[in-house]
C-alpha atoms as a PDB file:
ATOM      1  CA  MET A   1      11.260  10.169  20.956  1.00  0.00           C
ATOM      2  CA  SER A   2      11.287  10.781  17.093  1.00  0.00           C
ATOM      3  CA  HIS A   3      10.199   8.490  14.259  1.00  0.00           C
ATOM      4  CA  VAL A   4      12.462   8.294  10.926  1.00  0.00           C
ATOM      5  CA  TYR A   5       9.631   7.059   8.133  1.00  0.00           C
ATOM      6  CA  LYS A   6      10.882   5.169   5.166  1.00  0.00           C
ATOM      7  CA  ILE A   7       8.242   5.789   2.397  1.00  0.00           C
ATOM      8  CA  ILE A   8       8.029   2.928  -0.274  1.00  0.00           C
ATOM      9  CA  GLU A   9       5.031   3.470  -3.180  1.00  0.00           C
ATOM     10  CA  LEU A  10       2.732  -0.016  -4.115  1.00  0.00           C
ATOM     11  CA  THR A  11      -0.155  -0.950  -6.465  1.00  0.00           C
ATOM     12  CA  GLY A  12      -2.506  -3.245  -4.920  1.00  0.00           C
ATOM     13  CA  SER A  13      -5.459  -4.912  -6.967  1.00  0.00           C
ATOM     14  CA  SER A  14      -9.097  -6.858  -6.086  1.00  0.00           C
ATOM     15  CA  PRO A  15     -12.200  -7.512  -8.736  1.00  0.00           C
ATOM     16  CA  ILE A  16     -14.069  -6.424  -5.574  1.00  0.00           C
ATOM     17  CA  SER A  17     -13.148  -2.605  -4.415  1.00  0.00           C
ATOM     18  CA  SER A  18     -10.653   0.103  -4.627  1.00  0.00           C
ATOM     19  CA  ASP A  19     -10.947  -0.695  -0.611  1.00  0.00           C
ATOM     20  CA  ASP A  20     -10.576  -4.186  -0.437  1.00  0.00           C
ATOM     21  CA  ALA A  21      -7.638  -3.248  -3.549  1.00  0.00           C
ATOM     22  CA  ILE A  22      -5.580  -1.782  -0.642  1.00  0.00           C
ATOM     23  CA  ARG A  23      -6.319  -4.017   1.588  1.00  0.00           C
ATOM     24  CA  ASN A  24      -3.964  -6.535  -0.413  1.00  0.00           C
ATOM     25  CA  ALA A  25      -1.286  -4.450  -1.168  1.00  0.00           C
ATOM     26  CA  ILE A  26      -0.993  -3.825   2.633  1.00  0.00           C
ATOM     27  CA  GLU A  27      -1.199  -7.003   3.381  1.00  0.00           C
ATOM     28  CA  ALA A  28       1.591  -8.036   0.468  1.00  0.00           C
ATOM     29  CA  ALA A  29       3.664  -5.381   2.578  1.00  0.00           C
ATOM     30  CA  SER A  30       3.397  -6.744   6.181  1.00  0.00           C
ATOM     31  CA  GLN A  31       4.579  -9.986   5.390  1.00  0.00           C
ATOM     32  CA  SER A  32       7.966  -8.643   4.806  1.00  0.00           C
ATOM     33  CA  LEU A  33       7.889  -5.593   6.078  1.00  0.00           C
ATOM     34  CA  GLN A  34       7.656  -4.350   9.821  1.00  0.00           C
ATOM     35  CA  HIS A  35       6.656  -1.011  11.545  1.00  0.00           C
ATOM     36  CA  LEU A  36       4.021  -0.860   8.790  1.00  0.00           C
ATOM     37  CA  ARG A  37       2.302   2.909   9.890  1.00  0.00           C
ATOM     38  CA  TRP A  38       0.551   4.028   8.025  1.00  0.00           C
ATOM     39  CA  PHE A  39      -1.062   5.048   3.489  1.00  0.00           C
ATOM     40  CA  GLU A  40      -2.035   7.528   1.664  1.00  0.00           C
ATOM     41  CA  VAL A  41      -3.455   6.991  -1.579  1.00  0.00           C
ATOM     42  CA  MET A  42      -1.573   8.435  -4.417  1.00  0.00           C
ATOM     43  CA  GLU A  43      -4.017   7.005  -7.653  1.00  0.00           C
ATOM     44  CA  THR A  44      -7.149   4.755  -8.100  1.00  0.00           C
ATOM     45  CA  ARG A  45      -8.353   3.399 -11.336  1.00  0.00           C
ATOM     46  CA  GLY A  46     -10.341   0.550 -12.580  1.00  0.00           C
ATOM     47  CA  HIS A  47     -10.559  -2.159 -15.777  1.00  0.00           C
ATOM     48  CA  LEU A  48     -14.500  -2.084 -17.640  1.00  0.00           C
ATOM     49  CA  GLU A  49     -15.672  -4.773 -19.816  1.00  0.00           C
ATOM     50  CA  ALA A  50     -19.280  -4.113 -20.769  1.00  0.00           C
ATOM     51  CA  GLY A  51     -19.550  -1.120 -18.775  1.00  0.00           C
ATOM     52  CA  VAL A  52     -19.012  -2.449 -15.561  1.00  0.00           C
ATOM     53  CA  ILE A  53     -16.161  -2.607 -12.975  1.00  0.00           C
ATOM     54  CA  ALA A  54     -14.162  -5.479 -13.069  1.00  0.00           C
ATOM     55  CA  HIS A  55     -10.962  -5.099 -11.205  1.00  0.00           C
ATOM     56  CA  TRP A  56      -9.653  -2.497  -9.647  1.00  0.00           C
ATOM     57  CA  GLN A  57      -6.594  -0.724  -8.497  1.00  0.00           C
ATOM     58  CA  VAL A  58      -4.859   1.495  -6.309  1.00  0.00           C
ATOM     59  CA  THR A  59      -2.132   2.450  -5.549  1.00  0.00           C
ATOM     60  CA  ILE A  60      -0.790   3.619  -2.330  1.00  0.00           C
ATOM     61  CA  LYS A  61       2.071   5.253   0.008  1.00  0.00           C
ATOM     62  CA  VAL A  62       3.185   3.827   2.360  1.00  0.00           C
ATOM     63  CA  GLY A  63       5.189   5.235   5.383  1.00  0.00           C
ATOM     64  CA  PHE A  64       7.440   2.632   7.647  1.00  0.00           C
ATOM     65  CA  THR A  65       9.864   3.349  10.660  1.00  0.00           C
ATOM     66  CA  LEU A  66      13.177   1.636  10.213  1.00  0.00           C
ATOM     67  CA  ASP A  67      14.822  -0.659  13.298  1.00  0.00           C
ATOM     68  CA  GLN A  68      17.279   1.157  14.990  1.00  0.00           C
ATOM     69  CA  ASP A  69      20.177  -0.696  13.293  1.00  0.00           C
ATOM     70  CA  MET A  70      18.749   0.486  10.116  1.00  0.00           C
ATOM     71  CA  LYS A  71      19.412   3.896  10.990  1.00  0.00           C
ATOM     72  CA  GLU A  72      22.539   3.163  12.453  1.00  0.00           C
ATOM     73  CA  SER A  73      23.730   2.227   9.093  1.00  0.00           C
END
């Protein structure tokens, strides 16, 4: 069986870690999208306060398979 993927770009954020920022983005996407299959980290950046990491931002690409109904329209 072959697959067709749709790819979207998201930016997640977290004061805890870059991994948590990724999880936040994927969790938010999974609430409105189905069939999430993979992600790729594109960019990682952070906000500093007084020389300490205060916040992480991670931009990811997320791939998901399309429903058969979507492929035919």
